[in-house]
Amino acid sequence: MQNPGESTESKCFSHLACFDSLSAEELEYIATNTRSLYFKSGETICKQGTYAPYVIFISEGLAKIYLEVTRDKQVSTQLAKPGDFISFSAVFRQDEYSTSAAALTDVSACMINREAVTGLLKSNTDFAYKIISRNWQTENRLLGIISDLAHKQMAGKLATAIIYIADFAYPDIFNKLGRKDIAGFANISIESTVKILKEFASEDIISLSKKDIKITNRKALEKISKAG
């Protein structure tokens, strides 16, 4: 996944516009406080409730972020691609990871010491503003999930999940996900997911080919999503 002679640390800071706000000295400082780790597809990147010394940044690959509601139930909250943070709450003195994350493909991750990020947030207002803007997008996504849980029926939840995944801008994304993953984003059972997907396909709203899903009638899917 990595070109010879190219460090993962250098790739970390080429993905995200907020790092453009850092001076050469600040980039060097944060690079010295960064370590790189590689995760194979299916491996856990971080575990909800465990000690959180790092802000984790995806430099390559695709990951799933999820809440472990009970031992047997997960609610998937977000996908993460290169350029995304998956544990920024660690910066704000939260000593435990608030969510879990798992690699959906092979993933290269940059583990940035949370104290280093905190220092830059305090000293560089442009960097802080851009980080806050990204976190607002995450918060907005979580508010949408809460609304879906409260108001939508299963078909509406699944339609919303399909639209979110399809719009995520990651190549061939549905082939990276199992039906269990999609069910997690819709917060419904796997059995209901499979059943409703077949119903959507029979109504020519989507097409199914093994794991792949293609939206064939976007307006109809959006109508189901909004109606709930």
C-alpha atoms as a PDB file:
ATOM      1  CA  MET A   1       0.000   0.000   0.000  1.00  0.00           C
ATOM      2  CA  GLN A   2       2.972   2.301   0.544  1.00  0.00           C
ATOM      3  CA  ASN A   3       5.489   3.356  -2.085  1.00  0.00           C
ATOM      4  CA  PRO A   4       9.153   2.550  -1.354  1.00  0.00           C
ATOM      5  CA  GLY A   5      10.873   5.389   0.444  1.00  0.00           C
ATOM      6  CA  GLU A   6       7.628   7.155   1.370  1.00  0.00           C
ATOM      7  CA  SER A   7       6.804   7.306   5.065  1.00  0.00           C
ATOM      8  CA  THR A   8       3.268   6.915   6.325  1.00  0.00           C
ATOM      9  CA  GLU A   9       3.795   9.990   8.500  1.00  0.00           C
ATOM     10  CA  SER A  10       4.442  12.178   5.421  1.00  0.00           C
ATOM     11  CA  LYS A  11       1.295  10.808   3.785  1.00  0.00           C
ATOM     12  CA  CYS A  12      -0.765  11.652   6.878  1.00  0.00           C
ATOM     13  CA  PHE A  13      -0.389  15.358   6.423  1.00  0.00           C
ATOM     14  CA  SER A  14      -0.948  15.453   2.651  1.00  0.00           C
ATOM     15  CA  HIS A  15      -4.581  14.318   2.863  1.00  0.00           C
ATOM     16  CA  LEU A  16      -6.224  17.014   4.918  1.00  0.00           C
ATOM     17  CA  ALA A  17      -6.515  20.731   4.179  1.00  0.00           C
ATOM     18  CA  CYS A  18      -6.265  21.701   7.842  1.00  0.00           C
ATOM     19  CA  PHE A  19      -2.629  20.554   7.886  1.00  0.00           C
ATOM     20  CA  ASP A  20      -1.911  23.245   5.274  1.00  0.00           C
ATOM     21  CA  SER A  21      -2.359  25.731   8.121  1.00  0.00           C
ATOM     22  CA  LEU A  22       0.712  24.391   9.926  1.00  0.00           C
ATOM     23  CA  SER A  23       4.166  25.894   9.600  1.00  0.00           C
ATOM     24  CA  ALA A  24       7.172  23.747   8.739  1.00  0.00           C
ATOM     25  CA  GLU A  25       8.111  23.696  12.422  1.00  0.00           C
ATOM     26  CA  GLU A  26       4.590  22.660  13.449  1.00  0.00           C
ATOM     27  CA  LEU A  27       4.533  19.895  10.843  1.00  0.00           C
ATOM     28  CA  GLU A  28       7.861  18.607  12.105  1.00  0.00           C
ATOM     29  CA  TYR A  29       6.568  18.730  15.681  1.00  0.00           C
ATOM     30  CA  ILE A  30       3.431  16.747  14.924  1.00  0.00           C
ATOM     31  CA  ALA A  31       5.353  14.278  12.748  1.00  0.00           C
ATOM     32  CA  THR A  32       7.678  13.475  15.646  1.00  0.00           C
ATOM     33  CA  ASN A  33       4.590  12.725  17.725  1.00  0.00           C
ATOM     34  CA  THR A  34       3.076  10.371  15.142  1.00  0.00           C
ATOM     35  CA  ARG A  35       3.479   6.640  14.693  1.00  0.00           C
ATOM     36  CA  SER A  36       2.074   4.551  11.864  1.00  0.00           C
ATOM     37  CA  LEU A  37       0.209   1.272  12.153  1.00  0.00           C
ATOM     38  CA  TYR A  38      -1.126  -1.105   9.532  1.00  0.00           C
ATOM     39  CA  PHE A  39      -4.368  -3.038   9.948  1.00  0.00           C
ATOM     40  CA  LYS A  40      -5.558  -5.911   7.798  1.00  0.00           C
ATOM     41  CA  SER A  41      -9.162  -6.019   6.617  1.00  0.00           C
ATOM     42  CA  GLY A  42     -11.403  -7.071   9.503  1.00  0.00           C
ATOM     43  CA  GLU A  43      -9.015  -6.029  12.267  1.00  0.00           C
ATOM     44  CA  THR A  44     -10.076  -3.688  15.063  1.00  0.00           C
ATOM     45  CA  ILE A  45      -8.412  -0.267  14.885  1.00  0.00           C
ATOM     46  CA  CYS A  46      -9.676   1.008  18.219  1.00  0.00           C
ATOM     47  CA  LYS A  47     -12.044  -0.392  20.836  1.00  0.00           C
ATOM     48  CA  GLN A  48     -14.799   1.536  22.568  1.00  0.00           C
ATOM     49  CA  GLY A  49     -14.023   1.982  26.263  1.00  0.00           C
ATOM     50  CA  THR A  50     -10.251   1.377  26.025  1.00  0.00           C
ATOM     51  CA  TYR A  51      -7.569   3.953  26.837  1.00  0.00           C
ATOM     52  CA  ALA A  52      -7.272   6.656  24.159  1.00  0.00           C
ATOM     53  CA  PRO A  53      -3.736   8.093  23.935  1.00  0.00           C
ATOM     54  CA  TYR A  54      -3.976   8.862  20.213  1.00  0.00           C
ATOM     55  CA  VAL A  55      -5.972  10.763  17.649  1.00  0.00           C
ATOM     56  CA  ILE A  56      -6.265   8.252  14.806  1.00  0.00           C
ATOM     57  CA  PHE A  57      -6.075   9.446  11.213  1.00  0.00           C
ATOM     58  CA  ILE A  58      -6.684   7.266   8.144  1.00  0.00           C
ATOM     59  CA  SER A  59      -4.001   7.641   5.471  1.00  0.00           C
ATOM     60  CA  GLU A  60      -5.047   4.666   3.311  1.00  0.00           C
ATOM     61  CA  GLY A  61      -8.014   2.332   3.186  1.00  0.00           C
ATOM     62  CA  LEU A  62     -11.601   2.247   4.431  1.00  0.00           C
ATOM     63  CA  ALA A  63     -12.816   1.859   8.015  1.00  0.00           C
ATOM     64  CA  LYS A  64     -16.149   1.565   9.805  1.00  0.00           C
ATOM     65  CA  ILE A  65     -16.889   3.474  13.006  1.00  0.00           C
ATOM     66  CA  TYR A  66     -19.530   2.032  15.281  1.00  0.00           C
ATOM     67  CA  LEU A  67     -21.079   2.104  18.734  1.00  0.00           C
ATOM     68  CA  GLU A  68     -21.179  -1.123  20.701  1.00  0.00           C
ATOM     69  CA  VAL A  69     -24.640  -0.805  22.227  1.00  0.00           C
ATOM     70  CA  THR A  70     -24.673  -4.280  23.764  1.00  0.00           C
ATOM     71  CA  ARG A  71     -22.433  -7.326  23.455  1.00  0.00           C
ATOM     72  CA  ASP A  72     -24.380  -8.475  20.390  1.00  0.00           C
ATOM     73  CA  LYS A  73     -25.597  -5.175  18.916  1.00  0.00           C
ATOM     74  CA  GLN A  74     -23.676  -2.518  17.005  1.00  0.00           C
ATOM     75  CA  VAL A  75     -24.848   0.744  15.476  1.00  0.00           C
ATOM     76  CA  SER A  76     -22.562   1.904  12.662  1.00  0.00           C
ATOM     77  CA  THR A  77     -22.187   5.680  12.706  1.00  0.00           C
ATOM     78  CA  GLN A  78     -19.725   6.535   9.945  1.00  0.00           C
ATOM     79  CA  LEU A  79     -17.375   5.359   7.249  1.00  0.00           C
ATOM     80  CA  ALA A  80     -13.830   6.733   7.232  1.00  0.00           C
ATOM     81  CA  LYS A  81     -11.571   7.077   4.194  1.00  0.00           C
ATOM     82  CA  PRO A  82      -8.128   8.657   3.685  1.00  0.00           C
ATOM     83  CA  GLY A  83      -8.173  12.110   5.238  1.00  0.00           C
ATOM     84  CA  ASP A  84     -10.643  11.251   8.016  1.00  0.00           C
ATOM     85  CA  PHE A  85     -10.138  11.204  11.776  1.00  0.00           C
ATOM     86  CA  ILE A  86     -11.811   8.384  13.672  1.00  0.00           C
ATOM     87  CA  SER A  87     -11.149   9.271  17.315  1.00  0.00           C
ATOM     88  CA  PHE A  88     -10.866  13.022  17.691  1.00  0.00           C
ATOM     89  CA  SER A  89     -12.647  13.025  21.052  1.00  0.00           C
ATOM     90  CA  ALA A  90      -9.329  11.927  22.593  1.00  0.00           C
ATOM     91  CA  VAL A  91      -8.096  15.513  22.198  1.00  0.00           C
ATOM     92  CA  PHE A  92     -10.708  16.797  24.621  1.00  0.00           C
ATOM     93  CA  ARG A  93      -9.385  14.842  27.582  1.00  0.00           C
ATOM     94  CA  GLN A  94     -11.681  11.896  26.991  1.00  0.00           C
ATOM     95  CA  ASP A  95      -9.525   9.084  28.333  1.00  0.00           C
ATOM     96  CA  GLU A  96     -11.464   6.289  26.616  1.00  0.00           C
ATOM     97  CA  TYR A  97     -12.421   5.844  22.983  1.00  0.00           C
ATOM     98  CA  SER A  98     -16.110   6.704  22.616  1.00  0.00           C
ATOM     99  CA  THR A  99     -16.548   4.428  19.590  1.00  0.00           C
ATOM    100  CA  SER A 100     -14.932   1.388  18.021  1.00  0.00           C
ATOM    101  CA  ALA A 101     -13.462   1.254  14.531  1.00  0.00           C
ATOM    102  CA  ALA A 102     -12.700  -1.691  12.255  1.00  0.00           C
ATOM    103  CA  ALA A 103     -10.835  -1.937   8.965  1.00  0.00           C
ATOM    104  CA  LEU A 104     -13.102  -2.779   6.002  1.00  0.00           C
ATOM    105  CA  THR A 105     -10.063  -2.943   3.709  1.00  0.00           C
ATOM    106  CA  ASP A 106      -6.376  -2.984   4.567  1.00  0.00           C
ATOM    107  CA  VAL A 107      -5.808   0.298   6.411  1.00  0.00           C
ATOM    108  CA  SER A 108      -2.771   2.457   7.125  1.00  0.00           C
ATOM    109  CA  ALA A 109      -3.428   4.682  10.113  1.00  0.00           C
ATOM    110  CA  CYS A 110      -1.482   7.516  11.691  1.00  0.00           C
ATOM    111  CA  MET A 111      -1.606   7.518  15.474  1.00  0.00           C
ATOM    112  CA  ILE A 112      -1.022  11.115  16.565  1.00  0.00           C
ATOM    113  CA  ASN A 113      -0.273  11.828  20.215  1.00  0.00           C
ATOM    114  CA  ARG A 114      -3.303  13.661  21.542  1.00  0.00           C
ATOM    115  CA  GLU A 115      -1.199  16.136  23.538  1.00  0.00           C
ATOM    116  CA  ALA A 116       0.541  17.245  20.333  1.00  0.00           C
ATOM    117  CA  VAL A 117      -2.799  17.902  18.614  1.00  0.00           C
ATOM    118  CA  THR A 118      -4.095  19.754  21.678  1.00  0.00           C
ATOM    119  CA  GLY A 119      -1.043  22.017  21.617  1.00  0.00           C
ATOM    120  CA  LEU A 120      -1.574  22.897  17.960  1.00  0.00           C
ATOM    121  CA  LEU A 121      -5.266  23.613  18.528  1.00  0.00           C
ATOM    122  CA  LYS A 122      -4.307  26.116  21.213  1.00  0.00           C
ATOM    123  CA  SER A 123      -1.522  27.808  19.250  1.00  0.00           C
ATOM    124  CA  ASN A 124      -2.877  27.816  15.672  1.00  0.00           C
ATOM    125  CA  THR A 125      -6.397  29.281  15.349  1.00  0.00           C
ATOM    126  CA  ASP A 126      -6.702  28.510  11.623  1.00  0.00           C
ATOM    127  CA  PHE A 127      -5.904  24.856  12.263  1.00  0.00           C
ATOM    128  CA  ALA A 128      -8.397  24.808  15.157  1.00  0.00           C
ATOM    129  CA  TYR A 129     -11.176  26.354  13.046  1.00  0.00           C
ATOM    130  CA  LYS A 130     -10.737  23.802  10.258  1.00  0.00           C
ATOM    131  CA  ILE A 131     -10.744  20.928  12.750  1.00  0.00           C
ATOM    132  CA  ILE A 132     -13.913  22.253  14.395  1.00  0.00           C
ATOM    133  CA  SER A 133     -15.562  22.483  10.959  1.00  0.00           C
ATOM    134  CA  ARG A 134     -14.808  18.816  10.283  1.00  0.00           C
ATOM    135  CA  ASN A 135     -16.126  17.834  13.703  1.00  0.00           C
ATOM    136  CA  TRP A 136     -19.346  19.712  12.996  1.00  0.00           C
ATOM    137  CA  GLN A 137     -19.893  17.446   9.974  1.00  0.00           C
ATOM    138  CA  THR A 138     -19.503  14.429  12.258  1.00  0.00           C
ATOM    139  CA  GLU A 139     -21.924  15.889  14.796  1.00  0.00           C
ATOM    140  CA  ASN A 140     -24.460  16.606  12.055  1.00  0.00           C
ATOM    141  CA  ARG A 141     -24.226  12.991  10.905  1.00  0.00           C
ATOM    142  CA  LEU A 142     -24.861  11.729  14.451  1.00  0.00           C
ATOM    143  CA  LEU A 143     -27.890  14.001  14.847  1.00  0.00           C
ATOM    144  CA  GLY A 144     -29.284  12.494  11.643  1.00  0.00           C
ATOM    145  CA  ILE A 145     -28.834   8.983  13.039  1.00  0.00           C
ATOM    146  CA  ILE A 146     -30.693   9.920  16.231  1.00  0.00           C
ATOM    147  CA  SER A 147     -33.544  11.347  14.180  1.00  0.00           C
ATOM    148  CA  ASP A 148     -33.718   8.204  12.056  1.00  0.00           C
ATOM    149  CA  LEU A 149     -33.856   5.973  15.129  1.00  0.00           C
ATOM    150  CA  ALA A 150     -36.737   7.978  16.548  1.00  0.00           C
ATOM    151  CA  HIS A 151     -38.903   8.508  13.477  1.00  0.00           C
ATOM    152  CA  LYS A 152     -38.175   6.136  10.600  1.00  0.00           C
ATOM    153  CA  GLN A 153     -39.471   2.670   9.776  1.00  0.00           C
ATOM    154  CA  MET A 154     -37.102  -0.026   8.545  1.00  0.00           C
ATOM    155  CA  ALA A 155     -37.441   0.787   4.834  1.00  0.00           C
ATOM    156  CA  GLY A 156     -36.708   4.464   5.501  1.00  0.00           C
ATOM    157  CA  LYS A 157     -33.681   3.634   7.620  1.00  0.00           C
ATOM    158  CA  LEU A 158     -32.281   1.312   4.959  1.00  0.00           C
ATOM    159  CA  ALA A 159     -32.916   3.821   2.147  1.00  0.00           C
ATOM    160  CA  THR A 160     -31.048   6.476   4.158  1.00  0.00           C
ATOM    161  CA  ALA A 161     -28.149   4.101   4.784  1.00  0.00           C
ATOM    162  CA  ILE A 162     -27.864   3.166   1.092  1.00  0.00           C
ATOM    163  CA  ILE A 163     -27.797   6.837   0.068  1.00  0.00           C
ATOM    164  CA  TYR A 164     -25.141   7.644   2.690  1.00  0.00           C
ATOM    165  CA  ILE A 165     -22.914   4.768   1.585  1.00  0.00           C
ATOM    166  CA  ALA A 166     -23.389   5.453  -2.135  1.00  0.00           C
ATOM    167  CA  ASP A 167     -22.525   9.137  -1.670  1.00  0.00           C
ATOM    168  CA  PHE A 168     -19.416   8.414   0.375  1.00  0.00           C
ATOM    169  CA  ALA A 169     -17.131   8.707  -2.657  1.00  0.00           C
ATOM    170  CA  TYR A 170     -15.050   5.571  -2.158  1.00  0.00           C
ATOM    171  CA  PRO A 171     -14.425   3.306  -5.157  1.00  0.00           C
ATOM    172  CA  ASP A 172     -16.564   0.185  -5.434  1.00  0.00           C
ATOM    173  CA  ILE A 173     -17.764   0.758  -1.890  1.00  0.00           C
ATOM    174  CA  PHE A 174     -20.642  -1.723  -1.651  1.00  0.00           C
ATOM    175  CA  ASN A 175     -18.312  -4.567  -2.580  1.00  0.00           C
ATOM    176  CA  LYS A 176     -16.287  -3.668   0.520  1.00  0.00           C
ATOM    177  CA  LEU A 177     -19.352  -4.117   2.745  1.00  0.00           C
ATOM    178  CA  GLY A 178     -21.275  -7.172   3.815  1.00  0.00           C
ATOM    179  CA  ARG A 179     -24.998  -7.185   4.483  1.00  0.00           C
ATOM    180  CA  LYS A 180     -24.182  -7.102   8.191  1.00  0.00           C
ATOM    181  CA  ASP A 181     -22.333  -3.821   7.676  1.00  0.00           C
ATOM    182  CA  ILE A 182     -25.262  -2.302   5.781  1.00  0.00           C
ATOM    183  CA  ALA A 183     -27.660  -3.507   8.477  1.00  0.00           C
ATOM    184  CA  GLY A 184     -25.460  -1.780  11.045  1.00  0.00           C
ATOM    185  CA  PHE A 185     -25.732   1.541   9.228  1.00  0.00           C
ATOM    186  CA  ALA A 186     -29.503   1.179   8.987  1.00  0.00           C
ATOM    187  CA  ASN A 187     -29.777  -0.116  12.569  1.00  0.00           C
ATOM    188  CA  ILE A 188     -32.024  -2.996  11.519  1.00  0.00           C
ATOM    189  CA  SER A 189     -31.510  -6.757  11.462  1.00  0.00           C
ATOM    190  CA  ILE A 190     -29.615  -8.560   8.714  1.00  0.00           C
ATOM    191  CA  GLU A 191     -32.761 -10.517   7.848  1.00  0.00           C
ATOM    192  CA  SER A 192     -34.764  -7.310   7.407  1.00  0.00           C
ATOM    193  CA  THR A 193     -31.940  -5.778   5.383  1.00  0.00           C
ATOM    194  CA  VAL A 194     -31.869  -8.687   2.931  1.00  0.00           C
ATOM    195  CA  LYS A 195     -35.651  -8.704   2.625  1.00  0.00           C
ATOM    196  CA  ILE A 196     -35.998  -4.959   2.000  1.00  0.00           C
ATOM    197  CA  LEU A 197     -33.081  -4.909  -0.463  1.00  0.00           C
ATOM    198  CA  LYS A 198     -34.916  -7.549  -2.513  1.00  0.00           C
ATOM    199  CA  GLU A 199     -38.096  -5.451  -2.332  1.00  0.00           C
ATOM    200  CA  PHE A 200     -36.222  -2.345  -3.524  1.00  0.00           C
ATOM    201  CA  ALA A 201     -34.729  -4.394  -6.375  1.00  0.00           C
ATOM    202  CA  SER A 202     -38.125  -5.784  -7.402  1.00  0.00           C
ATOM    203  CA  GLU A 203     -39.416  -2.197  -7.604  1.00  0.00           C
ATOM    204  CA  ASP A 204     -36.401  -1.193  -9.766  1.00  0.00           C
ATOM    205  CA  ILE A 205     -35.186   1.256  -7.143  1.00  0.00           C
ATOM    206  CA  ILE A 206     -31.836  -0.502  -6.879  1.00  0.00           C
ATOM    207  CA  SER A 207     -30.056  -3.324  -8.682  1.00  0.00           C
ATOM    208  CA  LEU A 208     -28.243  -6.141  -6.892  1.00  0.00           C
ATOM    209  CA  SER A 209     -25.263  -8.117  -8.131  1.00  0.00           C
ATOM    210  CA  LYS A 210     -23.714 -10.288  -5.414  1.00  0.00           C
ATOM    211  CA  LYS A 211     -22.512  -7.746  -2.807  1.00  0.00           C
ATOM    212  CA  ASP A 212     -22.785  -4.766  -5.134  1.00  0.00           C
ATOM    213  CA  ILE A 213     -25.701  -2.335  -4.951  1.00  0.00           C
ATOM    214  CA  LYS A 214     -26.456   0.300  -7.573  1.00  0.00           C
ATOM    215  CA  ILE A 215     -29.142   2.945  -7.208  1.00  0.00           C
ATOM    216  CA  THR A 216     -31.344   2.928 -10.308  1.00  0.00           C
ATOM    217  CA  ASN A 217     -34.111   5.255  -9.128  1.00  0.00           C
ATOM    218  CA  ARG A 218     -32.578   7.895  -6.875  1.00  0.00           C
ATOM    219  CA  LYS A 219     -35.777   9.944  -6.527  1.00  0.00           C
ATOM    220  CA  ALA A 220     -37.771   6.944  -5.336  1.00  0.00           C
ATOM    221  CA  LEU A 221     -35.079   6.003  -2.812  1.00  0.00           C
ATOM    222  CA  GLU A 222     -34.886   9.580  -1.515  1.00  0.00           C
ATOM    223  CA  LYS A 223     -38.684   9.651  -1.177  1.00  0.00           C
ATOM    224  CA  ILE A 224     -38.605   6.493   0.976  1.00  0.00           C
ATOM    225  CA  SER A 225     -35.755   7.962   3.029  1.00  0.00           C
ATOM    226  CA  LYS A 226     -37.585  11.230   3.688  1.00  0.00           C
ATOM    227  CA  ALA A 227     -40.956   9.613   4.327  1.00  0.00           C
ATOM    228  CA  GLY A 228     -39.382   7.240   6.784  1.00  0.00           C
END
